[in-house]
Amino acid sequence: MMDERTMKEETEKARRWNTVVFWIFAAIFAVLTAAVCVFKYQHTYSPAKWANDRENRYKIVSDMLERNQLAGMTEAEVIRLLGSEDGGGQASF
């Protein structure tokens, strides 16, 4: 049988271990939450992002297409949504 002092030491050791494990999981959760938020922000369409970050447009195209039905829009509506052409000429594919 354990004496009272040993039992208190074991209880305190278990409590410290539980605290350490809790904070490890809390830190992992915080990092994952931040990563998801950053990913979501980087992949969310906004007209300002589209206009100002031409090199990363590929990240927001899916969100833009989900939010806007381009088929059936007039050219003026598409230009209002996306802005005028960047290259100053015909689009090449």
C-alpha atoms as a PDB file:
ATOM      1  CA  MET A   1       0.000   0.000   0.000  1.00  0.00           C
ATOM      2  CA  MET A   2       1.036   3.574  -0.660  1.00  0.00           C
ATOM      3  CA  ASP A   3       1.446   5.908   2.213  1.00  0.00           C
ATOM      4  CA  GLU A   4      -0.202   9.305   2.173  1.00  0.00           C
ATOM      5  CA  ARG A   5       2.949  11.195   1.119  1.00  0.00           C
ATOM      6  CA  THR A   6       3.600   8.873  -1.836  1.00  0.00           C
ATOM      7  CA  MET A   7      -0.032   9.128  -2.888  1.00  0.00           C
ATOM      8  CA  LYS A   8       0.125  12.932  -2.831  1.00  0.00           C
ATOM      9  CA  GLU A   9       3.338  12.891  -4.889  1.00  0.00           C
ATOM     10  CA  GLU A  10       1.806  10.552  -7.462  1.00  0.00           C
ATOM     11  CA  THR A  11      -1.345  12.669  -7.602  1.00  0.00           C
ATOM     12  CA  GLU A  12       0.700  15.829  -8.117  1.00  0.00           C
ATOM     13  CA  LYS A  13       2.822  14.132 -10.791  1.00  0.00           C
ATOM     14  CA  ALA A  14      -0.339  12.989 -12.616  1.00  0.00           C
ATOM     15  CA  ARG A  15      -1.824  16.487 -12.343  1.00  0.00           C
ATOM     16  CA  ARG A  16       1.341  18.048 -13.836  1.00  0.00           C
ATOM     17  CA  TRP A  17       1.383  15.452 -16.628  1.00  0.00           C
ATOM     18  CA  ASN A  18      -2.289  16.159 -17.401  1.00  0.00           C
ATOM     19  CA  THR A  19      -1.555  19.889 -17.541  1.00  0.00           C
ATOM     20  CA  VAL A  20       1.380  19.358 -19.922  1.00  0.00           C
ATOM     21  CA  VAL A  21      -0.685  17.105 -22.192  1.00  0.00           C
ATOM     22  CA  PHE A  22      -3.582  19.596 -22.148  1.00  0.00           C
ATOM     23  CA  TRP A  23      -1.323  22.492 -23.222  1.00  0.00           C
ATOM     24  CA  ILE A  24       0.302  20.394 -25.939  1.00  0.00           C
ATOM     25  CA  PHE A  25      -3.126  19.596 -27.394  1.00  0.00           C
ATOM     26  CA  ALA A  26      -4.223  23.227 -26.981  1.00  0.00           C
ATOM     27  CA  ALA A  27      -1.123  24.410 -28.870  1.00  0.00           C
ATOM     28  CA  ILE A  28      -1.697  21.882 -31.664  1.00  0.00           C
ATOM     29  CA  PHE A  29      -5.338  22.961 -31.898  1.00  0.00           C
ATOM     30  CA  ALA A  30      -4.343  26.644 -32.026  1.00  0.00           C
ATOM     31  CA  VAL A  31      -1.779  26.030 -34.780  1.00  0.00           C
ATOM     32  CA  LEU A  32      -4.242  23.983 -36.844  1.00  0.00           C
ATOM     33  CA  THR A  33      -6.967  26.600 -36.394  1.00  0.00           C
ATOM     34  CA  ALA A  34      -4.604  29.353 -37.511  1.00  0.00           C
ATOM     35  CA  ALA A  35      -3.518  27.290 -40.529  1.00  0.00           C
ATOM     36  CA  VAL A  36      -7.138  26.699 -41.570  1.00  0.00           C
ATOM     37  CA  CYS A  37      -7.950  30.401 -41.177  1.00  0.00           C
ATOM     38  CA  VAL A  38      -4.932  31.444 -43.256  1.00  0.00           C
ATOM     39  CA  PHE A  39      -5.776  28.869 -45.937  1.00  0.00           C
ATOM     40  CA  LYS A  40      -9.415  30.000 -46.024  1.00  0.00           C
ATOM     41  CA  TYR A  41      -8.377  33.666 -46.257  1.00  0.00           C
ATOM     42  CA  GLN A  42      -5.922  32.965 -49.068  1.00  0.00           C
ATOM     43  CA  HIS A  43      -8.541  31.031 -51.030  1.00  0.00           C
ATOM     44  CA  THR A  44     -11.507  33.402 -50.604  1.00  0.00           C
ATOM     45  CA  TYR A  45     -12.405  35.649 -53.537  1.00  0.00           C
ATOM     46  CA  SER A  46     -12.781  39.384 -53.189  1.00  0.00           C
ATOM     47  CA  PRO A  47     -12.643  41.993 -55.952  1.00  0.00           C
ATOM     48  CA  ALA A  48      -9.728  43.701 -54.184  1.00  0.00           C
ATOM     49  CA  LYS A  49      -7.695  40.472 -54.059  1.00  0.00           C
ATOM     50  CA  TRP A  50      -8.463  39.785 -57.693  1.00  0.00           C
ATOM     51  CA  ALA A  51      -7.332  43.263 -58.734  1.00  0.00           C
ATOM     52  CA  ASN A  52      -4.242  43.526 -56.535  1.00  0.00           C
ATOM     53  CA  ASP A  53      -2.725  40.035 -56.430  1.00  0.00           C
ATOM     54  CA  ARG A  54      -2.499  38.839 -60.016  1.00  0.00           C
ATOM     55  CA  GLU A  55       0.111  36.157 -59.276  1.00  0.00           C
ATOM     56  CA  ASN A  56      -2.113  34.377 -56.745  1.00  0.00           C
ATOM     57  CA  ARG A  57      -5.427  34.533 -58.580  1.00  0.00           C
ATOM     58  CA  TYR A  58      -5.288  30.792 -59.151  1.00  0.00           C
ATOM     59  CA  LYS A  59      -5.905  30.351 -55.413  1.00  0.00           C
ATOM     60  CA  ILE A  60      -9.220  32.241 -55.471  1.00  0.00           C
ATOM     61  CA  VAL A  61     -10.661  31.188 -58.840  1.00  0.00           C
ATOM     62  CA  SER A  62     -12.659  28.274 -57.395  1.00  0.00           C
ATOM     63  CA  ASP A  63     -14.263  30.478 -54.746  1.00  0.00           C
ATOM     64  CA  MET A  64     -15.014  33.189 -57.323  1.00  0.00           C
ATOM     65  CA  LEU A  65     -16.693  30.663 -59.623  1.00  0.00           C
ATOM     66  CA  GLU A  66     -18.742  29.235 -56.739  1.00  0.00           C
ATOM     67  CA  ARG A  67     -19.978  32.712 -55.796  1.00  0.00           C
ATOM     68  CA  ASN A  68     -20.642  34.018 -59.323  1.00  0.00           C
ATOM     69  CA  GLN A  69     -22.376  32.394 -62.255  1.00  0.00           C
ATOM     70  CA  LEU A  70     -20.306  33.705 -65.185  1.00  0.00           C
ATOM     71  CA  ALA A  71     -22.338  31.855 -67.820  1.00  0.00           C
ATOM     72  CA  GLY A  72     -25.095  34.209 -68.889  1.00  0.00           C
ATOM     73  CA  MET A  73     -23.340  37.373 -67.707  1.00  0.00           C
ATOM     74  CA  THR A  74     -22.824  40.159 -70.167  1.00  0.00           C
ATOM     75  CA  GLU A  75     -19.309  41.312 -70.967  1.00  0.00           C
ATOM     76  CA  ALA A  76     -19.916  44.480 -68.934  1.00  0.00           C
ATOM     77  CA  GLU A  77     -20.968  42.404 -65.908  1.00  0.00           C
ATOM     78  CA  VAL A  78     -17.850  40.238 -66.163  1.00  0.00           C
ATOM     79  CA  ILE A  79     -15.649  43.347 -66.467  1.00  0.00           C
ATOM     80  CA  ARG A  80     -17.395  44.839 -63.429  1.00  0.00           C
ATOM     81  CA  LEU A  81     -16.672  41.622 -61.505  1.00  0.00           C
ATOM     82  CA  LEU A  82     -13.092  40.997 -62.643  1.00  0.00           C
ATOM     83  CA  GLY A  83     -11.886  44.323 -63.993  1.00  0.00           C
ATOM     84  CA  SER A  84     -10.558  45.015 -67.466  1.00  0.00           C
ATOM     85  CA  GLU A  85      -8.009  42.788 -69.189  1.00  0.00           C
ATOM     86  CA  ASP A  86      -4.539  42.747 -67.696  1.00  0.00           C
ATOM     87  CA  GLY A  87      -2.632  42.106 -70.895  1.00  0.00           C
ATOM     88  CA  GLY A  88      -4.245  44.818 -72.960  1.00  0.00           C
ATOM     89  CA  GLY A  89      -5.237  42.431 -75.755  1.00  0.00           C
ATOM     90  CA  GLN A  90      -6.879  39.145 -76.556  1.00  0.00           C
ATOM     91  CA  ALA A  91      -6.639  36.431 -73.967  1.00  0.00           C
ATOM     92  CA  SER A  92      -4.399  33.578 -75.032  1.00  0.00           C
ATOM     93  CA  PHE A  93      -4.910  29.981 -73.940  1.00  0.00           C
END
